[in-house]
Amino acid sequence: MQEKYALILFDFDKDTIDARNQAIVNQAIVNQVVARIRELPQAQVEIVGHTDNIGTEAYNIKLSERRALAVYKLLATAYGAAAGDRIRSSGVGPNTPLYDNMSPEARAYNRTVTITLEYLSKE
């Protein structure tokens, strides 16, 4: 089974979570995602950073890694324990866009991270 979350949008060329997204982070990540991780002790968590297609691929990959790391730090702090054993982060830059990058809006939606919980179903 996989559960996917994509809740945080970053400003252009930024890897910090701004004030308007902080409430989303506190509610969704700290409460919802961490609760799910605790409910599913067998789940592995993958945080993947994304960017739009503006700029060089090399730069965007580094930027996406920093975005993923920013969310990793928040999630690991909220989860506590040995987060490193269950939570991984990486960046893919513009290489696997969630949206087509053809409009400013689509590019803005690609400035995000996805959080995936993967585990075996009990069914």
PDB file of N, CA and C in Angstrom:
ATOM      1  N   MET A   1       0.847  -1.176   0.000  1.00  0.00           N
ATOM      2  CA  MET A   1       0.000   0.000   0.000  1.00  0.00           C
ATOM      3  C   MET A   1       0.886   1.229   0.000  1.00  0.00           C
ATOM      4  N   GLN A   2       0.366   2.290  -0.584  1.00  0.00           N
ATOM      5  CA  GLN A   2       1.048   3.571  -0.560  1.00  0.00           C
ATOM      6  C   GLN A   2       0.060   4.667  -0.205  1.00  0.00           C
ATOM      7  N   GLU A   3       0.511   5.554   0.648  1.00  0.00           N
ATOM      8  CA  GLU A   3      -0.227   6.773   0.941  1.00  0.00           C
ATOM      9  C   GLU A   3       0.685   7.913   0.501  1.00  0.00           C
ATOM     10  N   LYS A   4       0.126   8.859  -0.261  1.00  0.00           N
ATOM     11  CA  LYS A   4       0.933   9.986  -0.748  1.00  0.00           C
ATOM     12  C   LYS A   4       0.346  11.294  -0.259  1.00  0.00           C
ATOM     13  N   TYR A   5       1.255  12.183   0.115  1.00  0.00           N
ATOM     14  CA  TYR A   5       0.884  13.514   0.565  1.00  0.00           C
ATOM     15  C   TYR A   5       1.739  14.516  -0.201  1.00  0.00           C
ATOM     16  N   ALA A   6       1.119  15.572  -0.701  1.00  0.00           N
ATOM     17  CA  ALA A   6       1.832  16.672  -1.360  1.00  0.00           C
ATOM     18  C   ALA A   6       1.158  17.954  -0.894  1.00  0.00           C
ATOM     19  N   LEU A   7       1.684  18.510   0.170  1.00  0.00           N
ATOM     20  CA  LEU A   7       0.961  19.577   0.843  1.00  0.00           C
ATOM     21  C   LEU A   7       1.653  20.926   0.852  1.00  0.00           C
ATOM     22  N   ILE A   8       2.926  20.942   0.616  1.00  0.00           N
ATOM     23  CA  ILE A   8       3.689  22.155   0.810  1.00  0.00           C
ATOM     24  C   ILE A   8       4.121  22.702  -0.537  1.00  0.00           C
ATOM     25  N   LEU A   9       3.809  23.960  -0.794  1.00  0.00           N
ATOM     26  CA  LEU A   9       4.292  24.628  -1.992  1.00  0.00           C
ATOM     27  C   LEU A   9       5.370  25.614  -1.573  1.00  0.00           C
ATOM     28  N   PHE A  10       6.473  25.601  -2.301  1.00  0.00           N
ATOM     29  CA  PHE A  10       7.584  26.495  -2.019  1.00  0.00           C
ATOM     30  C   PHE A  10       7.553  27.654  -2.991  1.00  0.00           C
ATOM     31  N   ASP A  11       8.045  28.802  -2.552  1.00  0.00           N
ATOM     32  CA  ASP A  11       8.189  29.942  -3.443  1.00  0.00           C
ATOM     33  C   ASP A  11       9.287  29.632  -4.458  1.00  0.00           C
ATOM     34  N   PHE A  12       9.271  30.345  -5.564  1.00  0.00           N
ATOM     35  CA  PHE A  12      10.267  30.162  -6.610  1.00  0.00           C
ATOM     36  C   PHE A  12      11.671  30.301  -6.028  1.00  0.00           C
ATOM     37  N   ASP A  13      12.514  29.330  -6.324  1.00  0.00           N
ATOM     38  CA  ASP A  13      13.921  29.322  -5.934  1.00  0.00           C
ATOM     39  C   ASP A  13      14.129  29.351  -4.417  1.00  0.00           C
ATOM     40  N   LYS A  14      13.174  28.837  -3.652  1.00  0.00           N
ATOM     41  CA  LYS A  14      13.281  28.815  -2.191  1.00  0.00           C
ATOM     42  C   LYS A  14      13.183  27.379  -1.690  1.00  0.00           C
ATOM     43  N   ASP A  15      13.846  27.142  -0.539  1.00  0.00           N
ATOM     44  CA  ASP A  15      13.753  25.838   0.114  1.00  0.00           C
ATOM     45  C   ASP A  15      13.253  25.971   1.546  1.00  0.00           C
ATOM     46  N   THR A  16      12.746  27.158   1.876  1.00  0.00           N
ATOM     47  CA  THR A  16      12.212  27.387   3.214  1.00  0.00           C
ATOM     48  C   THR A  16      10.691  27.364   3.164  1.00  0.00           C
ATOM     49  N   ILE A  17      10.116  27.003   4.283  1.00  0.00           N
ATOM     50  CA  ILE A  17       8.657  26.938   4.383  1.00  0.00           C
ATOM     51  C   ILE A  17       8.182  28.287   4.899  1.00  0.00           C
ATOM     52  N   ASP A  18       7.447  29.004   4.066  1.00  0.00           N
ATOM     53  CA  ASP A  18       7.037  30.351   4.438  1.00  0.00           C
ATOM     54  C   ASP A  18       5.877  30.324   5.433  1.00  0.00           C
ATOM     55  N   ALA A  19       5.526  31.498   5.918  1.00  0.00           N
ATOM     56  CA  ALA A  19       4.513  31.617   6.965  1.00  0.00           C
ATOM     57  C   ALA A  19       3.164  31.045   6.542  1.00  0.00           C
ATOM     58  N   ARG A  20       2.767  31.253   5.288  1.00  0.00           N
ATOM     59  CA  ARG A  20       1.441  30.777   4.875  1.00  0.00           C
ATOM     60  C   ARG A  20       1.370  29.252   4.829  1.00  0.00           C
ATOM     61  N   ASN A  21       2.510  28.598   4.615  1.00  0.00           N
ATOM     62  CA  ASN A  21       2.529  27.131   4.593  1.00  0.00           C
ATOM     63  C   ASN A  21       2.808  26.523   5.959  1.00  0.00           C
ATOM     64  N   GLN A  22       3.249  27.320   6.913  1.00  0.00           N
ATOM     65  CA  GLN A  22       3.574  26.793   8.227  1.00  0.00           C
ATOM     66  C   GLN A  22       2.356  26.155   8.899  1.00  0.00           C
ATOM     67  N   ALA A  23       1.180  26.755   8.745  1.00  0.00           N
ATOM     68  CA  ALA A  23      -0.034  26.179   9.329  1.00  0.00           C
ATOM     69  C   ALA A  23      -0.340  24.818   8.704  1.00  0.00           C
ATOM     70  N   ILE A  24      -0.151  24.700   7.391  1.00  0.00           N
ATOM     71  CA  ILE A  24      -0.357  23.422   6.714  1.00  0.00           C
ATOM     72  C   ILE A  24       0.625  22.393   7.244  1.00  0.00           C
ATOM     73  N   VAL A  25       1.865  22.805   7.396  1.00  0.00           N
ATOM     74  CA  VAL A  25       2.887  21.896   7.909  1.00  0.00           C
ATOM     75  C   VAL A  25       2.517  21.418   9.308  1.00  0.00           C
ATOM     76  N   ASN A  26       2.167  22.350  10.160  1.00  0.00           N
ATOM     77  CA  ASN A  26       1.840  21.974  11.537  1.00  0.00           C
ATOM     78  C   ASN A  26       0.652  21.035  11.600  1.00  0.00           C
ATOM     79  N   GLN A  27      -0.380  21.326  10.842  1.00  0.00           N
ATOM     80  CA  GLN A  27      -1.586  20.496  10.872  1.00  0.00           C
ATOM     81  C   GLN A  27      -1.384  19.172  10.149  1.00  0.00           C
ATOM     82  N   ALA A  28      -0.944  19.237   8.919  1.00  0.00           N
ATOM     83  CA  ALA A  28      -0.882  18.035   8.087  1.00  0.00           C
ATOM     84  C   ALA A  28       0.300  17.147   8.424  1.00  0.00           C
ATOM     85  N   ILE A  29       1.472  17.713   8.476  1.00  0.00           N
ATOM     86  CA  ILE A  29       2.653  16.874   8.688  1.00  0.00           C
ATOM     87  C   ILE A  29       2.760  16.457  10.136  1.00  0.00           C
ATOM     88  N   VAL A  30       2.776  17.423  11.009  1.00  0.00           N
ATOM     89  CA  VAL A  30       2.996  17.093  12.407  1.00  0.00           C
ATOM     90  C   VAL A  30       1.866  16.231  12.946  1.00  0.00           C
ATOM     91  N   ASN A  31       0.647  16.562  12.628  1.00  0.00           N
ATOM     92  CA  ASN A  31      -0.469  15.801  13.181  1.00  0.00           C
ATOM     93  C   ASN A  31      -0.818  14.566  12.357  1.00  0.00           C
ATOM     94  N   GLN A  32      -1.134  14.752  11.099  1.00  0.00           N
ATOM     95  CA  GLN A  32      -1.649  13.668  10.276  1.00  0.00           C
ATOM     96  C   GLN A  32      -0.579  12.662   9.859  1.00  0.00           C
ATOM     97  N   VAL A  33       0.495  13.121   9.256  1.00  0.00           N
ATOM     98  CA  VAL A  33       1.504  12.197   8.734  1.00  0.00           C
ATOM     99  C   VAL A  33       2.236  11.484   9.872  1.00  0.00           C
ATOM    100  N   VAL A  34       2.637  12.225  10.891  1.00  0.00           N
ATOM    101  CA  VAL A  34       3.325  11.586  12.015  1.00  0.00           C
ATOM    102  C   VAL A  34       2.404  10.578  12.699  1.00  0.00           C
ATOM    103  N   ALA A  35       1.132  10.900  12.829  1.00  0.00           N
ATOM    104  CA  ALA A  35       0.188   9.942  13.414  1.00  0.00           C
ATOM    105  C   ALA A  35       0.124   8.667  12.582  1.00  0.00           C
ATOM    106  N   ARG A  36       0.101   8.810  11.267  1.00  0.00           N
ATOM    107  CA  ARG A  36       0.075   7.621  10.401  1.00  0.00           C
ATOM    108  C   ARG A  36       1.356   6.808  10.531  1.00  0.00           C
ATOM    109  N   ILE A  37       2.495   7.477  10.634  1.00  0.00           N
ATOM    110  CA  ILE A  37       3.761   6.755  10.799  1.00  0.00           C
ATOM    111  C   ILE A  37       3.745   5.962  12.099  1.00  0.00           C
ATOM    112  N   ARG A  38       3.216   6.553  13.133  1.00  0.00           N
ATOM    113  CA  ARG A  38       3.138   5.848  14.426  1.00  0.00           C
ATOM    114  C   ARG A  38       2.156   4.682  14.372  1.00  0.00           C
ATOM    115  N   GLU A  39       1.064   4.848  13.628  1.00  0.00           N
ATOM    116  CA  GLU A  39       0.077   3.769  13.490  1.00  0.00           C
ATOM    117  C   GLU A  39       0.607   2.610  12.646  1.00  0.00           C
ATOM    118  N   LEU A  40       1.558   2.898  11.781  1.00  0.00           N
ATOM    119  CA  LEU A  40       2.076   1.905  10.837  1.00  0.00           C
ATOM    120  C   LEU A  40       3.576   1.708  11.076  1.00  0.00           C
ATOM    121  N   PRO A  41       3.946   0.980  12.107  1.00  0.00           N
ATOM    122  CA  PRO A  41       5.367   0.846  12.433  1.00  0.00           C
ATOM    123  C   PRO A  41       6.189   0.164  11.346  1.00  0.00           C
ATOM    124  N   GLN A  42       5.539  -0.536  10.432  1.00  0.00           N
ATOM    125  CA  GLN A  42       6.260  -1.197   9.345  1.00  0.00           C
ATOM    126  C   GLN A  42       6.445  -0.299   8.129  1.00  0.00           C
ATOM    127  N   ALA A  43       5.824   0.884   8.136  1.00  0.00           N
ATOM    128  CA  ALA A  43       5.875   1.765   6.969  1.00  0.00           C
ATOM    129  C   ALA A  43       7.239   2.416   6.810  1.00  0.00           C
ATOM    130  N   GLN A  44       7.675   2.477   5.568  1.00  0.00           N
ATOM    131  CA  GLN A  44       8.859   3.253   5.197  1.00  0.00           C
ATOM    132  C   GLN A  44       8.359   4.577   4.623  1.00  0.00           C
ATOM    133  N   VAL A  45       9.060   5.654   4.923  1.00  0.00           N
ATOM    134  CA  VAL A  45       8.629   6.987   4.518  1.00  0.00           C
ATOM    135  C   VAL A  45       9.672   7.576   3.574  1.00  0.00           C
ATOM    136  N   GLU A  46       9.217   8.046   2.433  1.00  0.00           N
ATOM    137  CA  GLU A  46      10.097   8.664   1.443  1.00  0.00           C
ATOM    138  C   GLU A  46       9.610  10.082   1.183  1.00  0.00           C
ATOM    139  N   ILE A  47      10.491  11.050   1.380  1.00  0.00           N
ATOM    140  CA  ILE A  47      10.195  12.448   1.096  1.00  0.00           C
ATOM    141  C   ILE A  47      10.972  12.815  -0.162  1.00  0.00           C
ATOM    142  N   VAL A  48      10.262  13.282  -1.181  1.00  0.00           N
ATOM    143  CA  VAL A  48      10.899  13.607  -2.460  1.00  0.00           C
ATOM    144  C   VAL A  48      10.612  15.069  -2.795  1.00  0.00           C
ATOM    145  N   GLY A  49      11.694  15.811  -3.021  1.00  0.00           N
ATOM    146  CA  GLY A  49      11.572  17.207  -3.408  1.00  0.00           C
ATOM    147  C   GLY A  49      11.453  17.346  -4.912  1.00  0.00           C
ATOM    148  N   HIS A  50      10.676  18.336  -5.333  1.00  0.00           N
ATOM    149  CA  HIS A  50      10.443  18.609  -6.755  1.00  0.00           C
ATOM    150  C   HIS A  50      10.686  20.090  -7.033  1.00  0.00           C
ATOM    151  N   THR A  51      10.928  20.406  -8.290  1.00  0.00           N
ATOM    152  CA  THR A  51      11.032  21.794  -8.742  1.00  0.00           C
ATOM    153  C   THR A  51      10.305  21.932 -10.076  1.00  0.00           C
ATOM    154  N   ASP A  52      10.182  23.165 -10.504  1.00  0.00           N
ATOM    155  CA  ASP A  52       9.683  23.395 -11.860  1.00  0.00           C
ATOM    156  C   ASP A  52      10.859  23.217 -12.836  1.00  0.00           C
ATOM    157  N   ASN A  53      10.668  23.575 -14.086  1.00  0.00           N
ATOM    158  CA  ASN A  53      11.715  23.364 -15.085  1.00  0.00           C
ATOM    159  C   ASN A  53      12.484  24.629 -15.442  1.00  0.00           C
ATOM    160  N   ILE A  54      12.375  25.665 -14.623  1.00  0.00           N
ATOM    161  CA  ILE A  54      13.117  26.899 -14.867  1.00  0.00           C
ATOM    162  C   ILE A  54      14.492  26.770 -14.215  1.00  0.00           C
ATOM    163  N   GLY A  55      15.538  27.048 -14.969  1.00  0.00           N
ATOM    164  CA  GLY A  55      16.897  26.933 -14.450  1.00  0.00           C
ATOM    165  C   GLY A  55      17.536  25.633 -14.911  1.00  0.00           C
ATOM    166  N   THR A  56      18.778  25.422 -14.483  1.00  0.00           N
ATOM    167  CA  THR A  56      19.492  24.225 -14.911  1.00  0.00           C
ATOM    168  C   THR A  56      19.041  23.006 -14.113  1.00  0.00           C
ATOM    169  N   GLU A  57      19.188  21.871 -14.728  1.00  0.00           N
ATOM    170  CA  GLU A  57      18.819  20.625 -14.064  1.00  0.00           C
ATOM    171  C   GLU A  57      19.650  20.417 -12.803  1.00  0.00           C
ATOM    172  N   ALA A  58      20.949  20.654 -12.888  1.00  0.00           N
ATOM    173  CA  ALA A  58      21.825  20.447 -11.731  1.00  0.00           C
ATOM    174  C   ALA A  58      21.410  21.329 -10.556  1.00  0.00           C
ATOM    175  N   TYR A  59      21.127  22.597 -10.832  1.00  0.00           N
ATOM    176  CA  TYR A  59      20.703  23.504  -9.771  1.00  0.00           C
ATOM    177  C   TYR A  59      19.382  23.042  -9.169  1.00  0.00           C
ATOM    178  N   ASN A  60      18.433  22.681 -10.026  1.00  0.00           N
ATOM    179  CA  ASN A  60      17.115  22.269  -9.546  1.00  0.00           C
ATOM    180  C   ASN A  60      17.169  20.981  -8.741  1.00  0.00           C
ATOM    181  N   ILE A  61      18.050  20.078  -9.077  1.00  0.00           N
ATOM    182  CA  ILE A  61      18.184  18.853  -8.277  1.00  0.00           C
ATOM    183  C   ILE A  61      18.653  19.202  -6.872  1.00  0.00           C
ATOM    184  N   LYS A  62      19.647  20.069  -6.760  1.00  0.00           N
ATOM    185  CA  LYS A  62      20.119  20.503  -5.433  1.00  0.00           C
ATOM    186  C   LYS A  62      19.016  21.225  -4.665  1.00  0.00           C
ATOM    187  N   LEU A  63      18.276  22.087  -5.345  1.00  0.00           N
ATOM    188  CA  LEU A  63      17.173  22.799  -4.712  1.00  0.00           C
ATOM    189  C   LEU A  63      16.122  21.813  -4.208  1.00  0.00           C
ATOM    190  N   SER A  64      15.787  20.828  -5.021  1.00  0.00           N
ATOM    191  CA  SER A  64      14.780  19.843  -4.604  1.00  0.00           C
ATOM    192  C   SER A  64      15.271  19.014  -3.418  1.00  0.00           C
ATOM    193  N   GLU A  65      16.565  18.741  -3.370  1.00  0.00           N
ATOM    194  CA  GLU A  65      17.123  18.023  -2.219  1.00  0.00           C
ATOM    195  C   GLU A  65      17.004  18.860  -0.951  1.00  0.00           C
ATOM    196  N   ARG A  66      17.245  20.163  -1.074  1.00  0.00           N
ATOM    197  CA  ARG A  66      17.109  21.045   0.094  1.00  0.00           C
ATOM    198  C   ARG A  66      15.664  21.141   0.552  1.00  0.00           C
ATOM    199  N   ARG A  67      14.733  21.162  -0.386  1.00  0.00           N
ATOM    200  CA  ARG A  67      13.306  21.182  -0.021  1.00  0.00           C
ATOM    201  C   ARG A  67      12.920  19.910   0.721  1.00  0.00           C
ATOM    202  N   ALA A  68      13.366  18.783   0.201  1.00  0.00           N
ATOM    203  CA  ALA A  68      13.063  17.509   0.862  1.00  0.00           C
ATOM    204  C   ALA A  68      13.685  17.466   2.253  1.00  0.00           C
ATOM    205  N   LEU A  69      14.888  17.974   2.385  1.00  0.00           N
ATOM    206  CA  LEU A  69      15.559  17.983   3.676  1.00  0.00           C
ATOM    207  C   LEU A  69      14.839  18.887   4.676  1.00  0.00           C
ATOM    208  N   ALA A  70      14.313  20.010   4.222  1.00  0.00           N
ATOM    209  CA  ALA A  70      13.561  20.909   5.114  1.00  0.00           C
ATOM    210  C   ALA A  70      12.355  20.189   5.704  1.00  0.00           C
ATOM    211  N   VAL A  71      11.646  19.446   4.873  1.00  0.00           N
ATOM    212  CA  VAL A  71      10.480  18.699   5.354  1.00  0.00           C
ATOM    213  C   VAL A  71      10.918  17.509   6.208  1.00  0.00           C
ATOM    214  N   TYR A  72      12.000  16.860   5.806  1.00  0.00           N
ATOM    215  CA  TYR A  72      12.544  15.749   6.598  1.00  0.00           C
ATOM    216  C   TYR A  72      12.824  16.202   8.028  1.00  0.00           C
ATOM    217  N   LYS A  73      13.476  17.339   8.176  1.00  0.00           N
ATOM    218  CA  LYS A  73      13.817  17.832   9.510  1.00  0.00           C
ATOM    219  C   LYS A  73      12.570  18.058  10.352  1.00  0.00           C
ATOM    220  N   LEU A  74      11.533  18.645   9.755  1.00  0.00           N
ATOM    221  CA  LEU A  74      10.286  18.862  10.494  1.00  0.00           C
ATOM    222  C   LEU A  74       9.635  17.541  10.889  1.00  0.00           C
ATOM    223  N   LEU A  75       9.582  16.626   9.941  1.00  0.00           N
ATOM    224  CA  LEU A  75       8.950  15.337  10.188  1.00  0.00           C
ATOM    225  C   LEU A  75       9.737  14.527  11.214  1.00  0.00           C
ATOM    226  N   ALA A  76      11.050  14.514  11.085  1.00  0.00           N
ATOM    227  CA  ALA A  76      11.891  13.759  12.016  1.00  0.00           C
ATOM    228  C   ALA A  76      11.802  14.332  13.424  1.00  0.00           C
ATOM    229  N   THR A  77      11.767  15.645  13.535  1.00  0.00           N
ATOM    230  CA  THR A  77      11.638  16.274  14.851  1.00  0.00           C
ATOM    231  C   THR A  77      10.302  15.918  15.484  1.00  0.00           C
ATOM    232  N   ALA A  78       9.232  15.992  14.706  1.00  0.00           N
ATOM    233  CA  ALA A  78       7.901  15.677  15.231  1.00  0.00           C
ATOM    234  C   ALA A  78       7.768  14.199  15.573  1.00  0.00           C
ATOM    235  N   TYR A  79       8.383  13.348  14.776  1.00  0.00           N
ATOM    236  CA  TYR A  79       8.292  11.904  15.004  1.00  0.00           C
ATOM    237  C   TYR A  79       9.168  11.482  16.174  1.00  0.00           C
ATOM    238  N   GLY A  80      10.353  12.053  16.258  1.00  0.00           N
ATOM    239  CA  GLY A  80      11.282  11.688  17.315  1.00  0.00           C
ATOM    240  C   GLY A  80      11.857  10.310  17.059  1.00  0.00           C
ATOM    241  N   ALA A  81      12.214   9.622  18.116  1.00  0.00           N
ATOM    242  CA  ALA A  81      12.769   8.265  18.046  1.00  0.00           C
ATOM    243  C   ALA A  81      13.885   8.193  17.004  1.00  0.00           C
ATOM    244  N   ALA A  82      14.000   7.079  16.333  1.00  0.00           N
ATOM    245  CA  ALA A  82      15.034   6.872  15.317  1.00  0.00           C
ATOM    246  C   ALA A  82      14.442   7.117  13.932  1.00  0.00           C
ATOM    247  N   ALA A  83      14.158   8.372  13.644  1.00  0.00           N
ATOM    248  CA  ALA A  83      13.512   8.719  12.375  1.00  0.00           C
ATOM    249  C   ALA A  83      14.334   8.290  11.177  1.00  0.00           C
ATOM    250  N   GLY A  84      15.639   8.350  11.296  1.00  0.00           N
ATOM    251  CA  GLY A  84      16.510   8.010  10.181  1.00  0.00           C
ATOM    252  C   GLY A  84      16.358   6.578   9.713  1.00  0.00           C
ATOM    253  N   ASP A  85      15.895   5.710  10.587  1.00  0.00           N
ATOM    254  CA  ASP A  85      15.697   4.316  10.213  1.00  0.00           C
ATOM    255  C   ASP A  85      14.488   4.127   9.308  1.00  0.00           C
ATOM    256  N   ARG A  86      13.550   5.045   9.357  1.00  0.00           N
ATOM    257  CA  ARG A  86      12.300   4.877   8.622  1.00  0.00           C
ATOM    258  C   ARG A  86      12.038   5.956   7.587  1.00  0.00           C
ATOM    259  N   ILE A  87      12.705   7.074   7.700  1.00  0.00           N
ATOM    260  CA  ILE A  87      12.402   8.217   6.849  1.00  0.00           C
ATOM    261  C   ILE A  87      13.619   8.564   5.999  1.00  0.00           C
ATOM    262  N   ARG A  88      13.409   8.650   4.684  1.00  0.00           N
ATOM    263  CA  ARG A  88      14.474   9.014   3.745  1.00  0.00           C
ATOM    264  C   ARG A  88      14.019  10.239   2.948  1.00  0.00           C
ATOM    265  N   SER A  89      14.996  11.014   2.500  1.00  0.00           N
ATOM    266  CA  SER A  89      14.657  12.157   1.652  1.00  0.00           C
ATOM    267  C   SER A  89      15.587  12.193   0.453  1.00  0.00           C
ATOM    268  N   SER A  90      15.057  12.714  -0.636  1.00  0.00           N
ATOM    269  CA  SER A  90      15.837  12.865  -1.858  1.00  0.00           C
ATOM    270  C   SER A  90      15.181  13.944  -2.715  1.00  0.00           C
ATOM    271  N   GLY A  91      15.887  14.360  -3.749  1.00  0.00           N
ATOM    272  CA  GLY A  91      15.349  15.350  -4.668  1.00  0.00           C
ATOM    273  C   GLY A  91      15.460  14.878  -6.099  1.00  0.00           C
ATOM    274  N   VAL A  92      14.458  15.182  -6.882  1.00  0.00           N
ATOM    275  CA  VAL A  92      14.455  14.790  -8.291  1.00  0.00           C
ATOM    276  C   VAL A  92      14.450  15.992  -9.230  1.00  0.00           C
ATOM    277  N   GLY A  93      14.470  17.186  -8.665  1.00  0.00           N
ATOM    278  CA  GLY A  93      14.472  18.387  -9.498  1.00  0.00           C
ATOM    279  C   GLY A  93      13.278  18.418 -10.434  1.00  0.00           C
ATOM    280  N   PRO A  94      13.509  18.753 -11.705  1.00  0.00           N
ATOM    281  CA  PRO A  94      12.422  18.835 -12.670  1.00  0.00           C
ATOM    282  C   PRO A  94      12.161  17.516 -13.406  1.00  0.00           C
ATOM    283  N   ASN A  95      12.841  16.446 -13.009  1.00  0.00           N
ATOM    284  CA  ASN A  95      12.833  15.211 -13.797  1.00  0.00           C
ATOM    285  C   ASN A  95      11.553  14.388 -13.729  1.00  0.00           C
ATOM    286  N   THR A  96      10.800  14.480 -12.685  1.00  0.00           N
ATOM    287  CA  THR A  96       9.522  13.759 -12.611  1.00  0.00           C
ATOM    288  C   THR A  96       8.446  14.741 -12.164  1.00  0.00           C
ATOM    289  N   PRO A  97       8.070  15.657 -13.051  1.00  0.00           N
ATOM    290  CA  PRO A  97       7.110  16.694 -12.661  1.00  0.00           C
ATOM    291  C   PRO A  97       5.737  16.110 -12.329  1.00  0.00           C
ATOM    292  N   LEU A  98       5.116  16.710 -11.339  1.00  0.00           N
ATOM    293  CA  LEU A  98       3.758  16.313 -10.976  1.00  0.00           C
ATOM    294  C   LEU A  98       2.744  16.944 -11.915  1.00  0.00           C
ATOM    295  N   TYR A  99       3.125  18.077 -12.505  1.00  0.00           N
ATOM    296  CA  TYR A  99       2.287  18.804 -13.452  1.00  0.00           C
ATOM    297  C   TYR A  99       3.132  19.119 -14.681  1.00  0.00           C
ATOM    298  N   ASP A 100       2.529  19.599 -15.748  1.00  0.00           N
ATOM    299  CA  ASP A 100       3.207  19.676 -17.040  1.00  0.00           C
ATOM    300  C   ASP A 100       4.185  20.838 -17.236  1.00  0.00           C
ATOM    301  N   ASN A 101       4.288  21.772 -16.319  1.00  0.00           N
ATOM    302  CA  ASN A 101       5.200  22.919 -16.429  1.00  0.00           C
ATOM    303  C   ASN A 101       4.875  23.864 -17.588  1.00  0.00           C
ATOM    304  N   MET A 102       3.728  23.734 -18.205  1.00  0.00           N
ATOM    305  CA  MET A 102       3.387  24.547 -19.370  1.00  0.00           C
ATOM    306  C   MET A 102       2.805  25.908 -19.003  1.00  0.00           C
ATOM    307  N   SER A 103       2.427  26.109 -17.755  1.00  0.00           N
ATOM    308  CA  SER A 103       1.857  27.385 -17.328  1.00  0.00           C
ATOM    309  C   SER A 103       2.498  27.797 -16.007  1.00  0.00           C
ATOM    310  N   PRO A 104       2.399  29.074 -15.663  1.00  0.00           N
ATOM    311  CA  PRO A 104       2.943  29.508 -14.371  1.00  0.00           C
ATOM    312  C   PRO A 104       2.308  28.765 -13.189  1.00  0.00           C
ATOM    313  N   GLU A 105       1.028  28.473 -13.307  1.00  0.00           N
ATOM    314  CA  GLU A 105       0.343  27.767 -12.232  1.00  0.00           C
ATOM    315  C   GLU A 105       0.875  26.350 -12.068  1.00  0.00           C
ATOM    316  N   ALA A 106       1.048  25.649 -13.184  1.00  0.00           N
ATOM    317  CA  ALA A 106       1.566  24.275 -13.133  1.00  0.00           C
ATOM    318  C   ALA A 106       2.984  24.262 -12.578  1.00  0.00           C
ATOM    319  N   ARG A 107       3.788  25.220 -12.974  1.00  0.00           N
ATOM    320  CA  ARG A 107       5.152  25.308 -12.440  1.00  0.00           C
ATOM    321  C   ARG A 107       5.118  25.541 -10.936  1.00  0.00           C
ATOM    322  N   ALA A 108       4.207  26.387 -10.474  1.00  0.00           N
ATOM    323  CA  ALA A 108       4.091  26.649  -9.035  1.00  0.00           C
ATOM    324  C   ALA A 108       3.726  25.372  -8.278  1.00  0.00           C
ATOM    325  N   TYR A 109       2.837  24.549  -8.834  1.00  0.00           N
ATOM    326  CA  TYR A 109       2.445  23.293  -8.175  1.00  0.00           C
ATOM    327  C   TYR A 109       3.588  22.286  -8.142  1.00  0.00           C
ATOM    328  N   ASN A 110       4.541  22.415  -9.050  1.00  0.00           N
ATOM    329  CA  ASN A 110       5.696  21.510  -9.052  1.00  0.00           C
ATOM    330  C   ASN A 110       6.747  21.885  -8.013  1.00  0.00           C
ATOM    331  N   ARG A 111       6.607  23.025  -7.397  1.00  0.00           N
ATOM    332  CA  ARG A 111       7.561  23.452  -6.353  1.00  0.00           C
ATOM    333  C   ARG A 111       7.093  22.903  -5.015  1.00  0.00           C
ATOM    334  N   THR A 112       7.260  21.614  -4.842  1.00  0.00           N
ATOM    335  CA  THR A 112       6.680  20.937  -3.694  1.00  0.00           C
ATOM    336  C   THR A 112       7.532  19.760  -3.258  1.00  0.00           C
ATOM    337  N   VAL A 113       7.063  19.078  -2.264  1.00  0.00           N
ATOM    338  CA  VAL A 113       7.609  17.773  -1.882  1.00  0.00           C
ATOM    339  C   VAL A 113       6.444  16.802  -1.792  1.00  0.00           C
ATOM    340  N   THR A 114       6.739  15.561  -2.050  1.00  0.00           N
ATOM    341  CA  THR A 114       5.753  14.509  -1.817  1.00  0.00           C
ATOM    342  C   THR A 114       6.269  13.639  -0.686  1.00  0.00           C
ATOM    343  N   ILE A 115       5.344  13.180   0.124  1.00  0.00           N
ATOM    344  CA  ILE A 115       5.662  12.262   1.212  1.00  0.00           C
ATOM    345  C   ILE A 115       4.899  10.989   0.924  1.00  0.00           C
ATOM    346  N   THR A 116       5.615   9.873   0.827  1.00  0.00           N
ATOM    347  CA  THR A 116       4.979   8.597   0.551  1.00  0.00           C
ATOM    348  C   THR A 116       5.248   7.646   1.706  1.00  0.00           C
ATOM    349  N   LEU A 117       4.173   7.064   2.215  1.00  0.00           N
ATOM    350  CA  LEU A 117       4.277   5.993   3.207  1.00  0.00           C
ATOM    351  C   LEU A 117       4.008   4.695   2.459  1.00  0.00           C
ATOM    352  N   GLU A 118       4.907   3.748   2.557  1.00  0.00           N
ATOM    353  CA  GLU A 118       4.758   2.483   1.864  1.00  0.00           C
ATOM    354  C   GLU A 118       4.823   1.353   2.888  1.00  0.00           C
ATOM    355  N   TYR A 119       3.831   0.457   2.791  1.00  0.00           N
ATOM    356  CA  TYR A 119       3.737  -0.629   3.760  1.00  0.00           C
ATOM    357  C   TYR A 119       2.892  -1.754   3.180  1.00  0.00           C
ATOM    358  N   LEU A 120       3.005  -2.920   3.782  1.00  0.00           N
ATOM    359  CA  LEU A 120       2.180  -4.053   3.376  1.00  0.00           C
ATOM    360  C   LEU A 120       0.821  -3.944   4.030  1.00  0.00           C
ATOM    361  N   SER A 121      -0.209  -4.224   3.252  1.00  0.00           N
ATOM    362  CA  SER A 121      -1.578  -4.183   3.771  1.00  0.00           C
ATOM    363  C   SER A 121      -1.820  -5.372   4.679  1.00  0.00           C
ATOM    364  N   LYS A 122      -2.660  -5.175   5.696  1.00  0.00           N
ATOM    365  CA  LYS A 122      -3.014  -6.276   6.602  1.00  0.00           C
ATOM    366  C   LYS A 122      -4.050  -7.203   5.990  1.00  0.00           C
ATOM    367  N   GLU A 123      -4.651  -6.778   4.893  1.00  0.00           N
ATOM    368  CA  GLU A 123      -5.717  -7.556   4.256  1.00  0.00           C
ATOM    369  C   GLU A 123      -5.164  -8.721   3.473  1.00  0.00           C
TER     370      GLU A 123
END
